[in-house]
Every structure is written in structure tokens, then in C-alpha cells.
Amino acid sequence: MRIRTLVCLAALTAGVATTMAQSNVYSLNIVGYVTITNNPGFSLIANPLTTTNNNLNVLYSDAPSLTKIIRFVGGAYVTSTFDPDDGWNNIVPLNPGEGYFIQVPAGPAYVKTYVGEVVLNSTNPVPAGFSLRASSVPQQGKVQTDLLYPAVNLDKVIRWSGTAYITHTLDPDDGWTGPGGEPIISVGESFFAQKGVPANWIRNFSVGP
């Protein structure tokens, strides 16, 4: 999976006079694009940017025929398939912070470009047990140190290499165990979270002075 990211700061600073306060109103957004190359087979991915419509039939309207999106909901897998005649079935929203599998059929890789806004402030619930999660902010880094994932002792982060699962455990004595220590999560990558107790993954991302 290859990733190319461009995030542009768009400061919408046109003063808007309100009828009540006669004060200037400013809006600050981060907009840009993320391009991810999905090779044939299974990949664990996530929508890295938000738009006015995050439904899967809009996000993946250009997917190859017979592509599958597989979510993990309530302990069970739920599959949506892109039919060449009927389009996507089982249409659901895929918001930043939720992880899911994409299964690309045999053939060329599926190069997907997401265009939208960065979610600046988010609360991503991570339940007890297994769930598929991703960073709501399109940022690469160590899952706890950089991405602020709310891990506690004995929590696991399970990544998918494309051929096998890779498990990292937060050990109370040794810190993160597993290949390379603390897992590094790429932009647009998701993972299985295994937690003993639920927690909220909170991100407050700011720009400007």
C-alpha cells in the first residue's frame, strides 16, 4: 500500500458582518487530498478525510467491479460489494476513525484519491474487546506517542501486513512488544484494537498561531 498525502491550509478569512454583533467571523479549515494504492487482495484501510457525504457508494464510486468493503460490527463481519450492474449494496457511512477491510479483485491495483477536510476535533469511541479503528487525523506516527491512542496495560494493536496479522501488546514492564516495538500507523491505515475496558480516542488538532 503506497500513500501520497498533500494537506493544504485554507484560511477562509473573509470578514462577515453579522446583523447582531457586527463582528468579523473567521473559518479555518485544512483541506487536501490523500492518495492510497490498494493492491489486489485484502488491506486494512480507513477514510482519512471528511466530506459532505462519507457514504461508501460516494467514497468508492470508482472502485473496480467486485471490490468488497468489509466492516467489523458487533463482533461480526458485514460485507458490501460493488456489483458491475447494480453498484454498491449495503450502503453505509465510512467516517474518519472507523477501520475496515478493502478487498480488491485480481488485476491492477486500485489507486484511490480522497479529497476533503481534516477532522480537527474528534472523539472516537473504542469499545472493550475487538474493534477496527483508525486515527481520525490523517497523520502517520507511533500509535500512542504520536497519535494519542488511549492504550493501557495489556491492550493490543493488531495490524495486517497484507498476508498476516502483526500483534503489538502494551506490556506493563517492557512497554510495546512486537516487531519494532510501538506500532507505527500510516495515513489511511486501520488496525484491530483489543481493549480490556472501553475508552475514547480524543484528538484536538489545531493550526495557525
Protein backbone atom coordinates (compact mmCIF):
# COMPACT_ATOMS: atom_id res chain seq x y z
CA MET A 1 0.00 0.00 0.00
CA ARG A 2 1.58 3.26 -1.15
CA ILE A 3 0.40 6.59 0.23
CA ARG A 4 0.80 10.14 -1.02
CA THR A 5 -0.56 12.98 1.08
CA LEU A 6 -0.99 16.69 0.47
CA VAL A 7 -2.75 18.73 3.11
CA CYS A 8 -3.27 22.41 2.34
CA LEU A 9 -4.23 25.09 4.82
CA ALA A 10 -7.24 27.02 3.59
CA ALA A 11 -7.91 30.02 5.79
CA LEU A 12 -11.26 31.43 4.85
CA THR A 13 -10.71 34.86 6.32
CA ALA A 14 -13.27 36.96 4.55
CA GLY A 15 -14.92 39.16 7.18
CA VAL A 16 -18.63 38.53 7.51
CA ALA A 17 -20.65 41.22 9.21
CA THR A 18 -23.34 39.78 11.43
CA THR A 19 -26.57 41.62 11.94
CA MET A 20 -26.31 41.31 15.70
CA ALA A 21 -22.67 41.74 16.67
CA GLN A 22 -21.19 43.49 13.62
CA SER A 23 -18.02 41.45 14.22
CA ASN A 24 -15.80 39.56 11.81
CA VAL A 25 -16.32 35.78 11.58
CA TYR A 26 -13.41 33.59 10.53
CA SER A 27 -13.41 29.98 9.44
CA LEU A 28 -10.20 27.91 9.44
CA ASN A 29 -10.14 24.58 7.63
CA ILE A 30 -7.45 22.18 6.47
CA VAL A 31 -8.27 20.72 3.07
CA GLY A 32 -6.29 18.49 0.79
CA TYR A 33 -6.02 15.02 -0.63
CA VAL A 34 -4.62 11.61 0.24
CA THR A 35 -3.80 9.04 -2.45
CA ILE A 36 -3.56 5.39 -1.41
CA THR A 37 -2.63 2.47 -3.65
CA ASN A 38 -4.59 -0.66 -2.72
CA ASN A 39 -3.03 -3.82 -4.14
CA PRO A 40 -5.18 -6.84 -5.07
CA GLY A 41 -6.22 -8.79 -2.00
CA PHE A 42 -7.07 -7.56 1.47
CA SER A 43 -5.91 -4.30 3.09
CA LEU A 44 -6.94 -2.63 6.34
CA ILE A 45 -7.78 0.97 5.50
CA ALA A 46 -9.79 3.99 6.65
CA ASN A 47 -11.25 7.15 5.20
CA PRO A 48 -8.64 9.82 6.13
CA LEU A 49 -10.68 12.95 5.27
CA THR A 50 -14.27 14.03 5.76
CA THR A 51 -16.63 15.37 3.12
CA THR A 52 -20.27 16.38 2.94
CA ASN A 53 -21.09 12.74 2.10
CA ASN A 54 -18.97 9.91 3.52
CA ASN A 55 -21.24 7.11 2.30
CA LEU A 56 -19.32 4.23 0.81
CA ASN A 57 -21.05 4.47 -2.58
CA VAL A 58 -19.77 8.05 -2.89
CA LEU A 59 -16.29 7.45 -1.48
CA TYR A 60 -15.67 4.39 -3.64
CA SER A 61 -17.75 5.15 -6.73
CA ASP A 62 -14.66 4.47 -8.87
CA ALA A 63 -13.78 1.10 -7.32
CA PRO A 64 -13.13 -1.90 -9.59
CA SER A 65 -16.07 -4.24 -10.10
CA LEU A 66 -16.47 -6.85 -7.33
CA THR A 67 -14.44 -4.81 -4.83
CA LYS A 68 -15.58 -5.52 -1.27
CA ILE A 69 -15.65 -3.31 1.83
CA ILE A 70 -15.76 -5.42 4.99
CA ARG A 71 -16.63 -3.80 8.33
CA PHE A 72 -16.43 -5.39 11.78
CA VAL A 73 -19.62 -4.58 13.65
CA GLY A 74 -20.72 -6.08 16.97
CA GLY A 75 -18.27 -8.95 16.67
CA ALA A 76 -19.31 -9.90 13.12
CA TYR A 77 -18.13 -9.03 9.62
CA VAL A 78 -20.51 -7.08 7.39
CA THR A 79 -19.69 -7.04 3.66
CA SER A 80 -20.63 -4.58 0.93
CA THR A 81 -19.87 -5.49 -2.69
CA PHE A 82 -19.56 -3.31 -5.78
CA ASP A 83 -21.61 -5.01 -8.48
CA PRO A 84 -20.80 -4.01 -12.07
CA ASP A 85 -24.51 -3.63 -12.88
CA ASP A 86 -26.17 -2.57 -9.63
CA GLY A 87 -23.41 -0.63 -7.85
CA TRP A 88 -22.82 -0.94 -4.12
CA ASN A 89 -25.16 -2.88 -1.90
CA ASN A 90 -25.48 -2.35 1.86
CA ILE A 91 -24.55 1.34 1.71
CA VAL A 92 -23.22 2.75 5.00
CA PRO A 93 -21.26 5.84 6.08
CA LEU A 94 -17.49 5.39 6.46
CA ASN A 95 -16.35 8.26 8.63
CA PRO A 96 -12.76 9.05 9.67
CA GLY A 97 -11.82 6.95 12.70
CA GLU A 98 -13.56 3.76 11.59
CA GLY A 99 -11.46 0.98 10.11
CA TYR A 100 -12.43 -1.64 7.55
CA PHE A 101 -11.01 -4.14 5.10
CA ILE A 102 -10.98 -3.48 1.39
CA GLN A 103 -10.70 -6.50 -0.89
CA VAL A 104 -9.56 -5.58 -4.39
CA PRO A 105 -10.10 -8.28 -7.04
CA ALA A 106 -7.29 -9.69 -9.15
CA GLY A 107 -5.93 -7.23 -11.67
CA PRO A 108 -4.29 -3.82 -11.42
CA ALA A 109 -4.04 -2.02 -8.10
CA TYR A 110 -6.86 0.32 -7.11
CA VAL A 111 -5.43 3.82 -6.73
CA LYS A 112 -7.81 5.84 -4.58
CA THR A 113 -7.61 9.59 -4.02
CA TYR A 114 -9.58 11.01 -1.10
CA VAL A 115 -10.39 14.73 -1.20
CA GLY A 116 -11.82 16.53 1.81
CA GLU A 117 -11.16 18.20 5.13
CA VAL A 118 -9.14 17.17 8.16
CA VAL A 119 -11.27 16.40 11.21
CA LEU A 120 -9.75 18.83 13.70
CA ASN A 121 -11.60 17.72 16.84
CA SER A 122 -12.90 14.20 17.34
CA THR A 123 -13.95 11.68 19.96
CA ASN A 124 -13.57 8.15 18.61
CA PRO A 125 -15.10 5.53 20.97
CA VAL A 126 -13.02 2.36 21.28
CA PRO A 127 -15.12 -0.39 22.90
CA ALA A 128 -13.93 -3.24 25.06
CA GLY A 129 -12.98 -6.30 23.06
CA PHE A 130 -12.13 -6.17 19.37
CA SER A 131 -12.92 -3.31 17.00
CA LEU A 132 -11.49 -1.81 13.83
CA ARG A 133 -10.19 1.69 14.42
CA ALA A 134 -8.06 4.36 12.75
CA SER A 135 -6.76 7.82 13.53
CA SER A 136 -9.36 10.48 12.76
CA VAL A 137 -6.48 12.79 11.82
CA PRO A 138 -4.54 11.90 8.63
CA GLN A 139 -1.22 11.63 10.43
CA GLN A 140 1.47 8.95 10.39
CA GLY A 141 3.20 8.09 13.63
CA LYS A 142 3.55 5.86 16.67
CA VAL A 143 0.09 4.82 17.72
CA GLN A 144 0.26 6.05 21.33
CA THR A 145 3.14 8.54 21.36
CA ASP A 146 2.16 10.48 18.24
CA LEU A 147 -1.45 9.57 17.53
CA LEU A 148 -2.52 9.63 21.21
CA TYR A 149 -4.29 6.27 21.08
CA PRO A 150 -5.64 5.59 24.61
CA ALA A 151 -3.77 2.35 25.31
CA VAL A 152 -3.44 0.86 28.78
CA ASN A 153 -1.52 -2.18 30.00
CA LEU A 154 -2.23 -5.39 28.08
CA ASP A 155 -4.10 -3.62 25.30
CA LYS A 156 -3.27 -4.94 21.83
CA VAL A 157 -2.94 -3.28 18.43
CA ILE A 158 -3.17 -5.81 15.60
CA ARG A 159 -2.08 -4.71 12.13
CA TRP A 160 -2.49 -6.52 8.82
CA SER A 161 0.62 -6.84 6.64
CA GLY A 162 -1.28 -7.92 3.54
CA THR A 163 -0.56 -11.57 4.27
CA ALA A 164 -0.57 -11.95 8.08
CA TYR A 165 -1.59 -10.25 11.32
CA ILE A 166 1.09 -8.46 13.38
CA THR A 167 0.30 -8.12 17.08
CA HIS A 168 1.69 -5.45 19.42
CA THR A 169 0.93 -5.56 23.15
CA LEU A 170 1.44 -2.82 25.74
CA ASP A 171 3.34 -4.72 28.43
CA PRO A 172 3.34 -3.19 31.96
CA ASP A 173 7.08 -3.84 32.30
CA ASP A 174 8.52 -3.74 28.79
CA GLY A 175 6.29 -1.24 27.01
CA TRP A 176 5.14 -2.08 23.50
CA THR A 177 6.14 -5.58 22.42
CA GLY A 178 6.01 -6.99 18.92
CA PRO A 179 8.06 -6.32 15.77
CA GLY A 180 9.64 -2.88 16.05
CA GLY A 181 8.10 -2.06 19.41
CA GLU A 182 5.38 0.58 19.37
CA PRO A 183 3.45 0.19 16.11
CA ILE A 184 3.67 2.95 13.51
CA ILE A 185 0.36 3.59 11.76
CA SER A 186 0.30 5.11 8.27
CA VAL A 187 -2.18 7.67 6.95
CA GLY A 188 -5.32 5.85 5.87
CA GLU A 189 -4.36 2.65 7.71
CA SER A 190 -6.59 0.97 10.27
CA PHE A 191 -6.00 -1.80 12.79
CA PHE A 192 -7.77 -4.13 15.15
CA ALA A 193 -7.90 -2.67 18.64
CA GLN A 194 -8.26 -5.13 21.51
CA LYS A 195 -9.03 -3.39 24.80
CA GLY A 196 -9.94 -4.64 28.24
CA VAL A 197 -12.01 -1.56 29.06
CA PRO A 198 -13.61 0.97 26.70
CA ALA A 199 -12.02 4.37 26.12
CA ASN A 200 -12.39 7.44 23.94
CA TRP A 201 -9.68 8.26 21.42
CA ILE A 202 -9.69 12.06 21.55
CA ARG A 203 -7.86 14.26 19.06
CA ASN A 204 -7.80 18.05 19.10
CA PHE A 205 -5.73 19.22 16.16
CA SER A 206 -5.02 22.91 15.77
CA VAL A 207 -3.35 25.04 13.10
CA GLY A 208 -2.14 28.59 12.88
CA PRO A 209 -0.64 30.80 15.60
